[in-house]
Amino acid sequence: METKTFPCSSEGMVAAQGFLECQCDEPKPAIILDEIVSNIVRCSGASSFSIGVERSDAGMTMVFSDDGQAFDPTCEVATPDVSAGLEDRGVGGLGIFMVKKMSKSLSYRREDDKNILTILM
């Protein structure tokens, strides 16, 4: 698995997108990266984040790691009501909902004071 670490900033987001573009040119991984990394940068309080990418016969695996506040997006986010109008929806949850729909599986663990989110596509 090729892994790279980035500063938790908008510049880090741009660099992470460039790293992923070198690994694949498919749109789904880019959308997933944008959703996960933007939440890390805006909400986690992390100083840095890492992304690991690996391709296999099973698909593509992306591993996101950050040193921010503990947060499990696989169970702590309410599923948004996508049938409701924009003005009737609550804030948050749509990004991870999209990530769940675009992936085969998501798993989260907290290890050594780091959030680790593994996504198989």
N, C-alpha and C. Protein backbone atom coordinates (compact mmCIF):
# COMPACT_ATOMS: atom_id res chain seq x y z
N MET A 1 0.85 -1.17 0.00
CA MET A 1 0.00 0.00 0.00
C MET A 1 0.89 1.23 0.00
N GLU A 2 0.63 2.12 -0.93
CA GLU A 2 1.37 3.38 -0.97
C GLU A 2 0.64 4.38 -0.08
N THR A 3 1.37 4.97 0.87
CA THR A 3 0.78 5.88 1.85
C THR A 3 1.55 7.19 1.86
N LYS A 4 0.81 8.28 2.01
CA LYS A 4 1.44 9.59 2.08
C LYS A 4 0.73 10.42 3.13
N THR A 5 1.48 11.28 3.82
CA THR A 5 0.94 12.13 4.87
C THR A 5 0.92 13.59 4.40
N PHE A 6 -0.13 14.29 4.81
CA PHE A 6 -0.36 15.67 4.38
C PHE A 6 -0.69 16.55 5.58
N PRO A 7 -0.40 17.86 5.49
CA PRO A 7 -0.82 18.76 6.55
C PRO A 7 -2.34 18.92 6.52
N CYS A 8 -2.93 19.14 7.66
CA CYS A 8 -4.38 19.29 7.75
C CYS A 8 -4.76 20.73 7.39
N SER A 9 -4.81 20.98 6.09
CA SER A 9 -5.07 22.33 5.57
C SER A 9 -5.64 22.21 4.16
N SER A 10 -6.07 23.33 3.61
CA SER A 10 -6.58 23.30 2.23
C SER A 10 -5.46 22.92 1.26
N GLU A 11 -4.22 23.31 1.57
CA GLU A 11 -3.10 22.91 0.73
C GLU A 11 -2.88 21.40 0.79
N GLY A 12 -3.06 20.84 1.98
CA GLY A 12 -2.97 19.39 2.14
C GLY A 12 -4.04 18.66 1.35
N MET A 13 -5.24 19.25 1.31
CA MET A 13 -6.33 18.65 0.51
C MET A 13 -5.95 18.60 -0.96
N VAL A 14 -5.42 19.68 -1.46
CA VAL A 14 -5.03 19.75 -2.88
C VAL A 14 -3.92 18.74 -3.17
N ALA A 15 -2.94 18.66 -2.27
CA ALA A 15 -1.84 17.71 -2.45
C ALA A 15 -2.36 16.27 -2.41
N ALA A 16 -3.32 15.99 -1.54
CA ALA A 16 -3.89 14.65 -1.44
C ALA A 16 -4.62 14.28 -2.73
N GLN A 17 -5.32 15.24 -3.32
CA GLN A 17 -6.00 14.99 -4.59
C GLN A 17 -4.98 14.66 -5.68
N GLY A 18 -3.86 15.37 -5.69
CA GLY A 18 -2.79 15.08 -6.66
C GLY A 18 -2.20 13.70 -6.45
N PHE A 19 -2.02 13.31 -5.18
CA PHE A 19 -1.52 11.97 -4.86
C PHE A 19 -2.47 10.90 -5.40
N LEU A 20 -3.77 11.09 -5.20
CA LEU A 20 -4.74 10.10 -5.67
C LEU A 20 -4.76 10.05 -7.19
N GLU A 21 -4.65 11.19 -7.85
CA GLU A 21 -4.64 11.22 -9.31
C GLU A 21 -3.49 10.39 -9.87
N CYS A 22 -2.37 10.32 -9.15
CA CYS A 22 -1.24 9.50 -9.58
C CYS A 22 -1.53 8.01 -9.38
N GLN A 23 -2.48 7.68 -8.50
CA GLN A 23 -2.81 6.29 -8.21
C GLN A 23 -3.92 5.75 -9.11
N CYS A 24 -4.86 6.61 -9.49
CA CYS A 24 -5.98 6.19 -10.35
C CYS A 24 -6.63 7.41 -10.97
N ASP A 25 -7.38 7.17 -12.02
CA ASP A 25 -8.06 8.28 -12.70
C ASP A 25 -9.57 8.08 -12.72
N GLU A 26 -10.09 7.35 -11.75
CA GLU A 26 -11.53 7.09 -11.67
C GLU A 26 -12.20 8.17 -10.83
N PRO A 27 -13.45 8.52 -11.15
CA PRO A 27 -14.11 9.61 -10.40
C PRO A 27 -14.54 9.25 -8.98
N LYS A 28 -15.00 8.02 -8.73
CA LYS A 28 -15.50 7.66 -7.39
C LYS A 28 -14.45 7.83 -6.30
N PRO A 29 -13.23 7.32 -6.48
CA PRO A 29 -12.23 7.55 -5.43
C PRO A 29 -11.96 9.03 -5.17
N ALA A 30 -12.00 9.85 -6.21
CA ALA A 30 -11.77 11.29 -6.04
C ALA A 30 -12.88 11.93 -5.23
N ILE A 31 -14.12 11.51 -5.46
CA ILE A 31 -15.26 12.04 -4.70
C ILE A 31 -15.15 11.60 -3.25
N ILE A 32 -14.82 10.33 -3.03
CA ILE A 32 -14.67 9.82 -1.67
C ILE A 32 -13.56 10.56 -0.94
N LEU A 33 -12.42 10.73 -1.58
CA LEU A 33 -11.32 11.46 -0.97
C LEU A 33 -11.75 12.87 -0.59
N ASP A 34 -12.43 13.55 -1.47
CA ASP A 34 -12.87 14.91 -1.20
C ASP A 34 -13.79 14.97 0.02
N GLU A 35 -14.73 14.05 0.11
CA GLU A 35 -15.67 14.03 1.24
C GLU A 35 -14.96 13.75 2.56
N ILE A 36 -14.12 12.72 2.58
CA ILE A 36 -13.47 12.32 3.83
C ILE A 36 -12.44 13.37 4.27
N VAL A 37 -11.60 13.80 3.35
CA VAL A 37 -10.54 14.74 3.70
C VAL A 37 -11.11 16.11 4.09
N SER A 38 -12.15 16.56 3.42
CA SER A 38 -12.71 17.86 3.79
C SER A 38 -13.27 17.81 5.22
N ASN A 39 -13.86 16.69 5.62
CA ASN A 39 -14.33 16.56 7.00
C ASN A 39 -13.16 16.52 7.99
N ILE A 40 -12.09 15.83 7.62
CA ILE A 40 -10.92 15.79 8.50
C ILE A 40 -10.38 17.20 8.69
N VAL A 41 -10.20 17.93 7.60
CA VAL A 41 -9.61 19.26 7.66
C VAL A 41 -10.51 20.24 8.41
N ARG A 42 -11.82 20.20 8.15
CA ARG A 42 -12.73 21.18 8.76
C ARG A 42 -13.14 20.86 10.19
N CYS A 43 -13.24 19.58 10.53
CA CYS A 43 -13.91 19.22 11.79
C CYS A 43 -13.09 18.46 12.82
N SER A 44 -12.00 17.83 12.44
CA SER A 44 -11.34 16.87 13.34
C SER A 44 -10.39 17.49 14.36
N GLY A 45 -9.84 18.64 14.04
CA GLY A 45 -8.80 19.21 14.89
C GLY A 45 -7.45 18.53 14.70
N ALA A 46 -7.32 17.74 13.65
CA ALA A 46 -6.07 17.02 13.37
C ALA A 46 -4.98 17.98 12.91
N SER A 47 -3.73 17.57 13.12
CA SER A 47 -2.60 18.35 12.61
C SER A 47 -2.15 17.83 11.25
N SER A 48 -2.44 16.54 10.99
CA SER A 48 -2.09 15.94 9.70
C SER A 48 -3.02 14.77 9.43
N PHE A 49 -2.99 14.30 8.19
CA PHE A 49 -3.75 13.11 7.81
C PHE A 49 -2.93 12.33 6.80
N SER A 50 -3.20 11.03 6.74
CA SER A 50 -2.51 10.15 5.78
C SER A 50 -3.54 9.44 4.93
N ILE A 51 -3.13 9.13 3.71
CA ILE A 51 -3.96 8.35 2.80
C ILE A 51 -3.12 7.22 2.26
N GLY A 52 -3.65 6.02 2.34
CA GLY A 52 -3.03 4.85 1.74
C GLY A 52 -3.93 4.33 0.63
N VAL A 53 -3.33 3.92 -0.47
CA VAL A 53 -4.10 3.42 -1.62
C VAL A 53 -3.47 2.11 -2.07
N GLU A 54 -4.34 1.13 -2.29
CA GLU A 54 -3.87 -0.17 -2.77
C GLU A 54 -4.91 -0.77 -3.72
N ARG A 55 -4.43 -1.31 -4.82
CA ARG A 55 -5.31 -2.01 -5.77
C ARG A 55 -5.05 -3.51 -5.67
N SER A 56 -6.14 -4.28 -5.76
CA SER A 56 -6.02 -5.74 -5.74
C SER A 56 -7.16 -6.31 -6.58
N ASP A 57 -7.23 -7.63 -6.66
CA ASP A 57 -8.32 -8.27 -7.39
C ASP A 57 -9.68 -7.95 -6.75
N ALA A 58 -9.68 -7.69 -5.45
CA ALA A 58 -10.93 -7.39 -4.73
C ALA A 58 -11.42 -5.97 -5.01
N GLY A 59 -10.55 -5.10 -5.51
CA GLY A 59 -10.92 -3.72 -5.78
C GLY A 59 -9.85 -2.77 -5.30
N MET A 60 -10.24 -1.56 -5.06
CA MET A 60 -9.31 -0.54 -4.58
C MET A 60 -9.61 -0.26 -3.11
N THR A 61 -8.56 -0.22 -2.30
CA THR A 61 -8.71 0.09 -0.88
C THR A 61 -8.06 1.44 -0.61
N MET A 62 -8.79 2.29 0.12
CA MET A 62 -8.25 3.57 0.56
C MET A 62 -8.31 3.57 2.09
N VAL A 63 -7.20 3.95 2.72
CA VAL A 63 -7.14 4.02 4.18
C VAL A 63 -6.81 5.46 4.55
N PHE A 64 -7.72 6.08 5.32
CA PHE A 64 -7.55 7.45 5.79
C PHE A 64 -7.21 7.39 7.27
N SER A 65 -6.20 8.13 7.68
CA SER A 65 -5.79 8.16 9.08
C SER A 65 -5.55 9.61 9.48
N ASP A 66 -5.99 9.97 10.69
CA ASP A 66 -5.73 11.32 11.19
C ASP A 66 -5.56 11.29 12.70
N ASP A 67 -4.92 12.32 13.22
CA ASP A 67 -4.66 12.41 14.67
C ASP A 67 -5.65 13.34 15.36
N GLY A 68 -6.83 13.49 14.79
CA GLY A 68 -7.84 14.37 15.37
C GLY A 68 -8.69 13.69 16.43
N GLN A 69 -9.78 14.36 16.81
CA GLN A 69 -10.73 13.83 17.80
C GLN A 69 -11.28 12.50 17.32
N ALA A 70 -11.55 11.60 18.26
CA ALA A 70 -12.16 10.32 17.90
C ALA A 70 -13.52 10.58 17.27
N PHE A 71 -13.74 9.97 16.10
CA PHE A 71 -15.02 10.10 15.41
C PHE A 71 -15.19 8.92 14.47
N ASP A 72 -16.25 8.16 14.66
CA ASP A 72 -16.56 7.01 13.83
C ASP A 72 -17.68 7.38 12.87
N PRO A 73 -17.37 7.69 11.61
CA PRO A 73 -18.41 8.08 10.66
C PRO A 73 -19.30 6.92 10.22
N THR A 74 -18.91 5.70 10.55
CA THR A 74 -19.73 4.55 10.14
C THR A 74 -20.96 4.38 11.01
N CYS A 75 -20.98 4.99 12.21
CA CYS A 75 -22.15 4.82 13.07
C CYS A 75 -22.60 6.09 13.77
N GLU A 76 -21.80 7.14 13.77
CA GLU A 76 -22.14 8.34 14.53
C GLU A 76 -22.87 9.38 13.70
N VAL A 77 -23.13 9.10 12.44
CA VAL A 77 -23.79 10.08 11.59
C VAL A 77 -25.16 9.54 11.20
N ALA A 78 -26.19 10.35 11.43
CA ALA A 78 -27.55 9.95 11.06
C ALA A 78 -27.67 9.92 9.54
N THR A 79 -28.42 8.96 9.03
CA THR A 79 -28.67 8.87 7.60
C THR A 79 -29.59 10.01 7.19
N PRO A 80 -29.16 10.81 6.21
CA PRO A 80 -29.99 11.95 5.82
C PRO A 80 -31.23 11.49 5.06
N ASP A 81 -32.29 12.26 5.16
CA ASP A 81 -33.51 12.00 4.41
C ASP A 81 -33.34 12.64 3.04
N VAL A 82 -32.90 11.84 2.07
CA VAL A 82 -32.60 12.39 0.75
C VAL A 82 -33.87 12.71 -0.04
N SER A 83 -35.03 12.26 0.46
CA SER A 83 -36.29 12.60 -0.22
C SER A 83 -36.82 13.96 0.24
N ALA A 84 -36.30 14.49 1.35
CA ALA A 84 -36.74 15.79 1.86
C ALA A 84 -36.11 16.91 1.04
N GLY A 85 -36.78 18.04 1.00
CA GLY A 85 -36.24 19.22 0.34
C GLY A 85 -35.02 19.73 1.08
N LEU A 86 -34.20 20.50 0.41
CA LEU A 86 -32.98 21.02 1.02
C LEU A 86 -33.25 21.80 2.30
N GLU A 87 -34.31 22.59 2.29
CA GLU A 87 -34.62 23.39 3.47
C GLU A 87 -35.11 22.56 4.65
N ASP A 88 -35.56 21.32 4.39
CA ASP A 88 -36.07 20.44 5.45
C ASP A 88 -35.03 19.47 5.98
N ARG A 89 -33.88 19.37 5.34
CA ARG A 89 -32.83 18.45 5.77
C ARG A 89 -31.97 19.09 6.85
N GLY A 90 -31.49 18.26 7.76
CA GLY A 90 -30.53 18.73 8.75
C GLY A 90 -29.16 18.89 8.11
N VAL A 91 -28.28 19.56 8.82
CA VAL A 91 -26.92 19.76 8.34
C VAL A 91 -26.10 18.51 8.63
N GLY A 92 -25.29 18.10 7.68
CA GLY A 92 -24.36 16.99 7.87
C GLY A 92 -24.94 15.64 7.50
N GLY A 93 -24.03 14.71 7.24
CA GLY A 93 -24.41 13.33 6.96
C GLY A 93 -24.50 12.96 5.50
N LEU A 94 -24.69 13.92 4.61
CA LEU A 94 -24.86 13.59 3.20
C LEU A 94 -23.56 13.07 2.58
N GLY A 95 -22.41 13.63 2.97
CA GLY A 95 -21.14 13.19 2.41
C GLY A 95 -20.83 11.74 2.74
N ILE A 96 -20.95 11.35 4.01
CA ILE A 96 -20.66 9.96 4.38
C ILE A 96 -21.71 9.03 3.81
N PHE A 97 -22.94 9.51 3.64
CA PHE A 97 -23.99 8.73 2.99
C PHE A 97 -23.57 8.40 1.55
N MET A 98 -23.05 9.40 0.83
CA MET A 98 -22.58 9.18 -0.54
C MET A 98 -21.41 8.21 -0.56
N VAL A 99 -20.48 8.36 0.39
CA VAL A 99 -19.32 7.47 0.46
C VAL A 99 -19.80 6.03 0.67
N LYS A 100 -20.75 5.81 1.57
CA LYS A 100 -21.27 4.47 1.82
C LYS A 100 -21.90 3.89 0.56
N LYS A 101 -22.62 4.71 -0.19
CA LYS A 101 -23.27 4.24 -1.42
C LYS A 101 -22.26 3.89 -2.52
N MET A 102 -21.11 4.57 -2.54
CA MET A 102 -20.11 4.36 -3.60
C MET A 102 -19.11 3.26 -3.26
N SER A 103 -19.14 2.74 -2.05
CA SER A 103 -18.13 1.77 -1.64
C SER A 103 -18.75 0.40 -1.36
N LYS A 104 -17.89 -0.61 -1.36
CA LYS A 104 -18.31 -1.96 -1.00
C LYS A 104 -18.41 -2.11 0.51
N SER A 105 -17.44 -1.51 1.21
CA SER A 105 -17.45 -1.59 2.68
C SER A 105 -16.65 -0.44 3.28
N LEU A 106 -17.02 -0.10 4.52
CA LEU A 106 -16.32 0.89 5.33
C LEU A 106 -16.07 0.28 6.68
N SER A 107 -14.90 0.53 7.23
CA SER A 107 -14.64 0.10 8.61
C SER A 107 -13.83 1.18 9.30
N TYR A 108 -14.09 1.34 10.58
CA TYR A 108 -13.42 2.36 11.39
C TYR A 108 -12.80 1.70 12.60
N ARG A 109 -11.64 2.22 12.99
CA ARG A 109 -11.06 1.82 14.27
C ARG A 109 -10.26 3.00 14.80
N ARG A 110 -10.10 3.02 16.12
CA ARG A 110 -9.29 4.04 16.79
C ARG A 110 -8.08 3.30 17.32
N GLU A 111 -6.90 3.71 16.88
CA GLU A 111 -5.67 3.00 17.25
C GLU A 111 -4.56 4.03 17.47
N ASP A 112 -3.87 3.94 18.60
CA ASP A 112 -2.76 4.85 18.91
C ASP A 112 -3.16 6.32 18.75
N ASP A 113 -4.34 6.67 19.27
CA ASP A 113 -4.87 8.04 19.21
C ASP A 113 -5.08 8.53 17.78
N LYS A 114 -5.37 7.60 16.88
CA LYS A 114 -5.64 7.97 15.48
C LYS A 114 -6.97 7.37 15.03
N ASN A 115 -7.68 8.13 14.22
CA ASN A 115 -8.85 7.62 13.51
C ASN A 115 -8.35 6.92 12.27
N ILE A 116 -8.83 5.72 12.02
CA ILE A 116 -8.43 4.98 10.82
C ILE A 116 -9.70 4.49 10.14
N LEU A 117 -9.95 5.00 8.94
CA LEU A 117 -11.12 4.65 8.17
C LEU A 117 -10.65 3.92 6.92
N THR A 118 -11.12 2.68 6.75
CA THR A 118 -10.74 1.87 5.59
C THR A 118 -11.96 1.73 4.68
N ILE A 119 -11.77 2.02 3.42
CA ILE A 119 -12.86 1.98 2.44
C ILE A 119 -12.44 1.08 1.30
N LEU A 120 -13.28 0.08 1.02
CA LEU A 120 -13.06 -0.81 -0.13
C LEU A 120 -14.06 -0.46 -1.21
N MET A 121 -13.52 -0.24 -2.42
CA MET A 121 -14.38 0.07 -3.57
C MET A 121 -14.29 -1.04 -4.58
